[in-house]
Amino acid sequence: MSGIAMLKDYRVDAGSWGESKRRVNLMLTPTAVEKVDKIAEQMRLTRSEVLERLIRTECLDLDLLSKISGDISEQKKSQ
């Protein structure tokens, strides 16, 4: 393999959210992928299910997201 760790296949039941899932591609930084992978492994979930659960919670809030920039130095100043 090319040094990329593959997650175990911990799939949820098909249609567990009451709808079919559709394949999409996302681009994430290596740091974000590592964080998602760590949570997925600990919870025995797929990356997809971790992101699905996060998106379906109140964590995905426009007001909260608008306060988060991609510049870490700016985030540290506001704390």
PDB file of N, CA and C in Angstrom:
ATOM      1  N   MET A   1       0.840  -1.194   0.000  1.00  0.00           N
ATOM      2  CA  MET A   1       0.000   0.000   0.000  1.00  0.00           C
ATOM      3  C   MET A   1       0.878   1.247   0.000  1.00  0.00           C
ATOM      4  N   SER A   2       0.286   2.375  -0.205  1.00  0.00           N
ATOM      5  CA  SER A   2       1.038   3.619  -0.320  1.00  0.00           C
ATOM      6  C   SER A   2       1.188   4.349   1.013  1.00  0.00           C
ATOM      7  N   GLY A   3       1.090   3.638   2.137  1.00  0.00           N
ATOM      8  CA  GLY A   3       1.245   4.281   3.433  1.00  0.00           C
ATOM      9  C   GLY A   3      -0.025   4.896   3.973  1.00  0.00           C
ATOM     10  N   ILE A   4      -1.133   4.768   3.263  1.00  0.00           N
ATOM     11  CA  ILE A   4      -2.396   5.314   3.717  1.00  0.00           C
ATOM     12  C   ILE A   4      -3.114   4.234   4.523  1.00  0.00           C
ATOM     13  N   ALA A   5      -3.430   4.548   5.765  1.00  0.00           N
ATOM     14  CA  ALA A   5      -4.124   3.577   6.614  1.00  0.00           C
ATOM     15  C   ALA A   5      -5.579   3.463   6.174  1.00  0.00           C
ATOM     16  N   MET A   6      -6.019   2.250   5.974  1.00  0.00           N
ATOM     17  CA  MET A   6      -7.409   2.025   5.584  1.00  0.00           C
ATOM     18  C   MET A   6      -8.231   1.732   6.835  1.00  0.00           C
ATOM     19  N   LEU A   7      -9.384   2.355   6.938  1.00  0.00           N
ATOM     20  CA  LEU A   7     -10.266   2.107   8.062  1.00  0.00           C
ATOM     21  C   LEU A   7     -10.999   0.794   7.876  1.00  0.00           C
ATOM     22  N   LYS A   8     -11.343   0.187   8.995  1.00  0.00           N
ATOM     23  CA  LYS A   8     -12.156  -1.018   8.921  1.00  0.00           C
ATOM     24  C   LYS A   8     -13.523  -0.644   8.375  1.00  0.00           C
ATOM     25  N   ASP A   9     -14.195  -1.614   7.804  1.00  0.00           N
ATOM     26  CA  ASP A   9     -15.490  -1.368   7.170  1.00  0.00           C
ATOM     27  C   ASP A   9     -16.619  -1.534   8.189  1.00  0.00           C
ATOM     28  N   TYR A  10     -16.917  -0.478   8.937  1.00  0.00           N
ATOM     29  CA  TYR A  10     -17.985  -0.493   9.939  1.00  0.00           C
ATOM     30  C   TYR A  10     -19.193   0.203   9.342  1.00  0.00           C
ATOM     31  N   ARG A  11     -19.945  -0.482   8.543  1.00  0.00           N
ATOM     32  CA  ARG A  11     -21.068   0.144   7.856  1.00  0.00           C
ATOM     33  C   ARG A  11     -22.331   0.080   8.699  1.00  0.00           C
ATOM     34  N   VAL A  12     -23.118   1.133   8.604  1.00  0.00           N
ATOM     35  CA  VAL A  12     -24.430   1.125   9.243  1.00  0.00           C
ATOM     36  C   VAL A  12     -25.408   0.461   8.285  1.00  0.00           C
ATOM     37  N   ASP A  13     -26.547   0.081   8.797  1.00  0.00           N
ATOM     38  CA  ASP A  13     -27.551  -0.549   7.942  1.00  0.00           C
ATOM     39  C   ASP A  13     -27.967   0.403   6.827  1.00  0.00           C
ATOM     40  N   ALA A  14     -28.186  -0.156   5.648  1.00  0.00           N
ATOM     41  CA  ALA A  14     -28.634   0.653   4.515  1.00  0.00           C
ATOM     42  C   ALA A  14     -29.954   1.322   4.860  1.00  0.00           C
ATOM     43  N   GLY A  15     -30.051   2.587   4.569  1.00  0.00           N
ATOM     44  CA  GLY A  15     -31.291   3.313   4.821  1.00  0.00           C
ATOM     45  C   GLY A  15     -31.521   3.647   6.283  1.00  0.00           C
ATOM     46  N   SER A  16     -30.470   3.596   7.111  1.00  0.00           N
ATOM     47  CA  SER A  16     -30.655   3.859   8.543  1.00  0.00           C
ATOM     48  C   SER A  16     -31.079   5.303   8.822  1.00  0.00           C
ATOM     49  N   TRP A  17     -30.882   6.184   7.879  1.00  0.00           N
ATOM     50  CA  TRP A  17     -31.317   7.567   8.014  1.00  0.00           C
ATOM     51  C   TRP A  17     -32.643   7.796   7.293  1.00  0.00           C
ATOM     52  N   GLY A  18     -33.251   6.730   6.811  1.00  0.00           N
ATOM     53  CA  GLY A  18     -34.533   6.846   6.140  1.00  0.00           C
ATOM     54  C   GLY A  18     -34.431   7.304   4.693  1.00  0.00           C
ATOM     55  N   GLU A  19     -33.232   7.295   4.163  1.00  0.00           N
ATOM     56  CA  GLU A  19     -33.033   7.684   2.772  1.00  0.00           C
ATOM     57  C   GLU A  19     -31.761   7.034   2.255  1.00  0.00           C
ATOM     58  N   SER A  20     -31.661   6.902   0.958  1.00  0.00           N
ATOM     59  CA  SER A  20     -30.477   6.319   0.345  1.00  0.00           C
ATOM     60  C   SER A  20     -29.330   7.310   0.380  1.00  0.00           C
ATOM     61  N   LYS A  21     -28.119   6.791   0.501  1.00  0.00           N
ATOM     62  CA  LYS A  21     -26.946   7.659   0.461  1.00  0.00           C
ATOM     63  C   LYS A  21     -26.431   7.743  -0.969  1.00  0.00           C
ATOM     64  N   ARG A  22     -25.737   8.821  -1.257  1.00  0.00           N
ATOM     65  CA  ARG A  22     -25.187   9.082  -2.579  1.00  0.00           C
ATOM     66  C   ARG A  22     -23.694   9.354  -2.418  1.00  0.00           C
ATOM     67  N   ARG A  23     -22.908   8.827  -3.304  1.00  0.00           N
ATOM     68  CA  ARG A  23     -21.461   9.033  -3.242  1.00  0.00           C
ATOM     69  C   ARG A  23     -21.118  10.465  -3.643  1.00  0.00           C
ATOM     70  N   VAL A  24     -20.278  11.104  -2.823  1.00  0.00           N
ATOM     71  CA  VAL A  24     -19.746  12.432  -3.134  1.00  0.00           C
ATOM     72  C   VAL A  24     -18.256  12.432  -2.818  1.00  0.00           C
ATOM     73  N   ASN A  25     -17.537  13.353  -3.395  1.00  0.00           N
ATOM     74  CA  ASN A  25     -16.111  13.503  -3.109  1.00  0.00           C
ATOM     75  C   ASN A  25     -15.903  14.808  -2.362  1.00  0.00           C
ATOM     76  N   LEU A  26     -15.075  14.755  -1.328  1.00  0.00           N
ATOM     77  CA  LEU A  26     -14.734  15.933  -0.543  1.00  0.00           C
ATOM     78  C   LEU A  26     -13.230  16.095  -0.516  1.00  0.00           C
ATOM     79  N   MET A  27     -12.789  17.320  -0.384  1.00  0.00           N
ATOM     80  CA  MET A  27     -11.370  17.575  -0.193  1.00  0.00           C
ATOM     81  C   MET A  27     -11.187  18.119   1.217  1.00  0.00           C
ATOM     82  N   LEU A  28     -10.316  17.470   1.990  1.00  0.00           N
ATOM     83  CA  LEU A  28     -10.032  17.873   3.364  1.00  0.00           C
ATOM     84  C   LEU A  28      -8.526  17.959   3.554  1.00  0.00           C
ATOM     85  N   THR A  29      -8.111  18.763   4.511  1.00  0.00           N
ATOM     86  CA  THR A  29      -6.692  18.819   4.846  1.00  0.00           C
ATOM     87  C   THR A  29      -6.298  17.512   5.530  1.00  0.00           C
ATOM     88  N   PRO A  30      -5.006  17.175   5.513  1.00  0.00           N
ATOM     89  CA  PRO A  30      -4.563  15.970   6.213  1.00  0.00           C
ATOM     90  C   PRO A  30      -4.952  15.975   7.698  1.00  0.00           C
ATOM     91  N   THR A  31      -4.906  17.129   8.331  1.00  0.00           N
ATOM     92  CA  THR A  31      -5.278  17.232   9.748  1.00  0.00           C
ATOM     93  C   THR A  31      -6.742  16.874   9.951  1.00  0.00           C
ATOM     94  N   ALA A  32      -7.617  17.363   9.090  1.00  0.00           N
ATOM     95  CA  ALA A  32      -9.045  17.058   9.206  1.00  0.00           C
ATOM     96  C   ALA A  32      -9.296  15.573   8.983  1.00  0.00           C
ATOM     97  N   VAL A  33      -8.616  14.987   8.013  1.00  0.00           N
ATOM     98  CA  VAL A  33      -8.780  13.552   7.736  1.00  0.00           C
ATOM     99  C   VAL A  33      -8.332  12.741   8.953  1.00  0.00           C
ATOM    100  N   GLU A  34      -7.210  13.108   9.552  1.00  0.00           N
ATOM    101  CA  GLU A  34      -6.720  12.396  10.732  1.00  0.00           C
ATOM    102  C   GLU A  34      -7.725  12.456  11.873  1.00  0.00           C
ATOM    103  N   LYS A  35      -8.339  13.623  12.072  1.00  0.00           N
ATOM    104  CA  LYS A  35      -9.322  13.764  13.153  1.00  0.00           C
ATOM    105  C   LYS A  35     -10.565  12.920  12.883  1.00  0.00           C
ATOM    106  N   VAL A  36     -11.050  12.948  11.655  1.00  0.00           N
ATOM    107  CA  VAL A  36     -12.223  12.141  11.300  1.00  0.00           C
ATOM    108  C   VAL A  36     -11.895  10.660  11.440  1.00  0.00           C
ATOM    109  N   ASP A  37     -10.723  10.255  10.961  1.00  0.00           N
ATOM    110  CA  ASP A  37     -10.317   8.850  11.051  1.00  0.00           C
ATOM    111  C   ASP A  37     -10.204   8.384  12.504  1.00  0.00           C
ATOM    112  N   LYS A  38      -9.656   9.219  13.358  1.00  0.00           N
ATOM    113  CA  LYS A  38      -9.492   8.852  14.769  1.00  0.00           C
ATOM    114  C   LYS A  38     -10.860   8.625  15.424  1.00  0.00           C
ATOM    115  N   ILE A  39     -11.781   9.532  15.177  1.00  0.00           N
ATOM    116  CA  ILE A  39     -13.132   9.386  15.734  1.00  0.00           C
ATOM    117  C   ILE A  39     -13.821   8.166  15.144  1.00  0.00           C
ATOM    118  N   ALA A  40     -13.690   7.972  13.843  1.00  0.00           N
ATOM    119  CA  ALA A  40     -14.324   6.826  13.181  1.00  0.00           C
ATOM    120  C   ALA A  40     -13.819   5.517  13.773  1.00  0.00           C
ATOM    121  N   GLU A  41     -12.521   5.421  13.980  1.00  0.00           N
ATOM    122  CA  GLU A  41     -11.943   4.201  14.536  1.00  0.00           C
ATOM    123  C   GLU A  41     -12.439   3.969  15.966  1.00  0.00           C
ATOM    124  N   GLN A  42     -12.447   5.015  16.778  1.00  0.00           N
ATOM    125  CA  GLN A  42     -12.881   4.888  18.167  1.00  0.00           C
ATOM    126  C   GLN A  42     -14.355   4.501  18.275  1.00  0.00           C
ATOM    127  N   MET A  43     -15.163   5.014  17.359  1.00  0.00           N
ATOM    128  CA  MET A  43     -16.598   4.740  17.405  1.00  0.00           C
ATOM    129  C   MET A  43     -16.998   3.553  16.537  1.00  0.00           C
ATOM    130  N   ARG A  44     -16.001   2.966  15.839  1.00  0.00           N
ATOM    131  CA  ARG A  44     -16.256   1.848  14.934  1.00  0.00           C
ATOM    132  C   ARG A  44     -17.286   2.238  13.863  1.00  0.00           C
ATOM    133  N   LEU A  45     -17.042   3.390  13.260  1.00  0.00           N
ATOM    134  CA  LEU A  45     -17.895   3.926  12.196  1.00  0.00           C
ATOM    135  C   LEU A  45     -17.045   4.187  10.963  1.00  0.00           C
ATOM    136  N   THR A  46     -17.695   4.413   9.842  1.00  0.00           N
ATOM    137  CA  THR A  46     -16.989   4.851   8.641  1.00  0.00           C
ATOM    138  C   THR A  46     -16.799   6.365   8.708  1.00  0.00           C
ATOM    139  N   ARG A  47     -15.898   6.869   7.893  1.00  0.00           N
ATOM    140  CA  ARG A  47     -15.749   8.322   7.783  1.00  0.00           C
ATOM    141  C   ARG A  47     -17.083   8.951   7.412  1.00  0.00           C
ATOM    142  N   SER A  48     -17.749   8.316   6.478  1.00  0.00           N
ATOM    143  CA  SER A  48     -19.024   8.823   5.993  1.00  0.00           C
ATOM    144  C   SER A  48     -20.031   8.980   7.124  1.00  0.00           C
ATOM    145  N   GLU A  49     -20.104   7.987   7.986  1.00  0.00           N
ATOM    146  CA  GLU A  49     -21.078   8.048   9.079  1.00  0.00           C
ATOM    147  C   GLU A  49     -20.702   9.104  10.111  1.00  0.00           C
ATOM    148  N   VAL A  50     -19.410   9.281  10.367  1.00  0.00           N
ATOM    149  CA  VAL A  50     -18.975  10.345  11.281  1.00  0.00           C
ATOM    150  C   VAL A  50     -19.425  11.703  10.749  1.00  0.00           C
ATOM    151  N   LEU A  51     -19.166  11.944   9.460  1.00  0.00           N
ATOM    152  CA  LEU A  51     -19.554  13.226   8.860  1.00  0.00           C
ATOM    153  C   LEU A  51     -21.072  13.367   8.800  1.00  0.00           C
ATOM    154  N   GLU A  52     -21.785  12.290   8.500  1.00  0.00           N
ATOM    155  CA  GLU A  52     -23.254  12.315   8.467  1.00  0.00           C
ATOM    156  C   GLU A  52     -23.810  12.738   9.827  1.00  0.00           C
ATOM    157  N   ARG A  53     -23.293  12.133  10.892  1.00  0.00           N
ATOM    158  CA  ARG A  53     -23.781  12.455  12.245  1.00  0.00           C
ATOM    159  C   ARG A  53     -23.462  13.904  12.611  1.00  0.00           C
ATOM    160  N   LEU A  54     -22.258  14.361  12.261  1.00  0.00           N
ATOM    161  CA  LEU A  54     -21.876  15.737  12.554  1.00  0.00           C
ATOM    162  C   LEU A  54     -22.783  16.721  11.819  1.00  0.00           C
ATOM    163  N   ILE A  55     -23.020  16.455  10.561  1.00  0.00           N
ATOM    164  CA  ILE A  55     -23.849  17.342   9.742  1.00  0.00           C
ATOM    165  C   ILE A  55     -25.288  17.388  10.238  1.00  0.00           C
ATOM    166  N   ARG A  56     -25.787  16.272  10.745  1.00  0.00           N
ATOM    167  CA  ARG A  56     -27.174  16.217  11.203  1.00  0.00           C
ATOM    168  C   ARG A  56     -27.369  16.772  12.610  1.00  0.00           C
ATOM    169  N   THR A  57     -26.311  17.168  13.287  1.00  0.00           N
ATOM    170  CA  THR A  57     -26.431  17.745  14.620  1.00  0.00           C
ATOM    171  C   THR A  57     -26.515  19.261  14.525  1.00  0.00           C
ATOM    172  N   GLU A  58     -26.651  19.882  15.674  1.00  0.00           N
ATOM    173  CA  GLU A  58     -26.694  21.349  15.716  1.00  0.00           C
ATOM    174  C   GLU A  58     -25.309  21.952  15.531  1.00  0.00           C
ATOM    175  N   CYS A  59     -24.277  21.098  15.399  1.00  0.00           N
ATOM    176  CA  CYS A  59     -22.919  21.603  15.167  1.00  0.00           C
ATOM    177  C   CYS A  59     -22.822  22.326  13.829  1.00  0.00           C
ATOM    178  N   LEU A  60     -23.655  21.948  12.891  1.00  0.00           N
ATOM    179  CA  LEU A  60     -23.651  22.583  11.583  1.00  0.00           C
ATOM    180  C   LEU A  60     -24.618  23.756  11.637  1.00  0.00           C
ATOM    181  N   ASP A  61     -24.115  24.874  12.124  1.00  0.00           N
ATOM    182  CA  ASP A  61     -24.919  26.067  12.360  1.00  0.00           C
ATOM    183  C   ASP A  61     -24.282  27.241  11.620  1.00  0.00           C
ATOM    184  N   LEU A  62     -25.062  27.954  10.845  1.00  0.00           N
ATOM    185  CA  LEU A  62     -24.532  29.050  10.029  1.00  0.00           C
ATOM    186  C   LEU A  62     -23.845  30.117  10.878  1.00  0.00           C
ATOM    187  N   ASP A  63     -24.445  30.504  11.991  1.00  0.00           N
ATOM    188  CA  ASP A  63     -23.825  31.538  12.837  1.00  0.00           C
ATOM    189  C   ASP A  63     -22.484  31.067  13.389  1.00  0.00           C
ATOM    190  N   LEU A  64     -22.431  29.827  13.840  1.00  0.00           N
ATOM    191  CA  LEU A  64     -21.178  29.276  14.362  1.00  0.00           C
ATOM    192  C   LEU A  64     -20.131  29.162  13.266  1.00  0.00           C
ATOM    193  N   LEU A  65     -20.516  28.626  12.123  1.00  0.00           N
ATOM    194  CA  LEU A  65     -19.565  28.451  11.020  1.00  0.00           C
ATOM    195  C   LEU A  65     -19.042  29.779  10.484  1.00  0.00           C
ATOM    196  N   SER A  66     -19.863  30.805  10.503  1.00  0.00           N
ATOM    197  CA  SER A  66     -19.426  32.103   9.984  1.00  0.00           C
ATOM    198  C   SER A  66     -18.352  32.733  10.869  1.00  0.00           C
ATOM    199  N   LYS A  67     -18.237  32.258  12.121  1.00  0.00           N
ATOM    200  CA  LYS A  67     -17.221  32.791  13.043  1.00  0.00           C
ATOM    201  C   LYS A  67     -15.899  32.039  12.933  1.00  0.00           C
ATOM    202  N   ILE A  68     -15.884  30.936  12.193  1.00  0.00           N
ATOM    203  CA  ILE A  68     -14.685  30.118  12.059  1.00  0.00           C
ATOM    204  C   ILE A  68     -14.021  30.421  10.724  1.00  0.00           C
ATOM    205  N   SER A  69     -12.762  30.839  10.789  1.00  0.00           N
ATOM    206  CA  SER A  69     -12.029  31.087   9.550  1.00  0.00           C
ATOM    207  C   SER A  69     -11.029  29.963   9.342  1.00  0.00           C
ATOM    208  N   GLY A  70     -10.453  29.907   8.175  1.00  0.00           N
ATOM    209  CA  GLY A  70      -9.436  28.911   7.894  1.00  0.00           C
ATOM    210  C   GLY A  70      -8.078  29.308   8.430  1.00  0.00           C
ATOM    211  N   ASP A  71      -7.970  30.510   8.966  1.00  0.00           N
ATOM    212  CA  ASP A  71      -6.699  31.035   9.461  1.00  0.00           C
ATOM    213  C   ASP A  71      -6.619  30.787  10.969  1.00  0.00           C
ATOM    214  N   ILE A  72      -5.791  29.845  11.382  1.00  0.00           N
ATOM    215  CA  ILE A  72      -5.696  29.474  12.794  1.00  0.00           C
ATOM    216  C   ILE A  72      -5.217  30.642  13.646  1.00  0.00           C
ATOM    217  N   SER A  73      -4.334  31.476  13.121  1.00  0.00           N
ATOM    218  CA  SER A  73      -3.839  32.616  13.906  1.00  0.00           C
ATOM    219  C   SER A  73      -4.976  33.565  14.239  1.00  0.00           C
ATOM    220  N   GLU A  74      -5.933  33.733  13.320  1.00  0.00           N
ATOM    221  CA  GLU A  74      -7.091  34.586  13.586  1.00  0.00           C
ATOM    222  C   GLU A  74      -7.993  33.962  14.641  1.00  0.00           C
ATOM    223  N   GLN A  75      -8.135  32.642  14.625  1.00  0.00           N
ATOM    224  CA  GLN A  75      -8.970  31.960  15.616  1.00  0.00           C
ATOM    225  C   GLN A  75      -8.384  32.110  17.000  1.00  0.00           C
ATOM    226  N   LYS A  76      -7.051  32.017  17.134  1.00  0.00           N
ATOM    227  CA  LYS A  76      -6.395  32.135  18.432  1.00  0.00           C
ATOM    228  C   LYS A  76      -6.547  33.542  18.993  1.00  0.00           C
ATOM    229  N   LYS A  77      -6.532  34.565  18.143  1.00  0.00           N
ATOM    230  CA  LYS A  77      -6.701  35.955  18.583  1.00  0.00           C
ATOM    231  C   LYS A  77      -8.078  36.194  19.180  1.00  0.00           C
ATOM    232  N   SER A  78      -9.096  35.517  18.640  1.00  0.00           N
ATOM    233  CA  SER A  78     -10.466  35.752  19.089  1.00  0.00           C
ATOM    234  C   SER A  78     -10.810  35.003  20.379  1.00  0.00           C
ATOM    235  N   GLN A  79      -9.894  34.150  20.842  1.00  0.00           N
ATOM    236  CA  GLN A  79     -10.185  33.374  22.069  1.00  0.00           C
ATOM    237  C   GLN A  79      -9.762  34.103  23.310  1.00  0.00           C
TER     238      GLN A  79
END
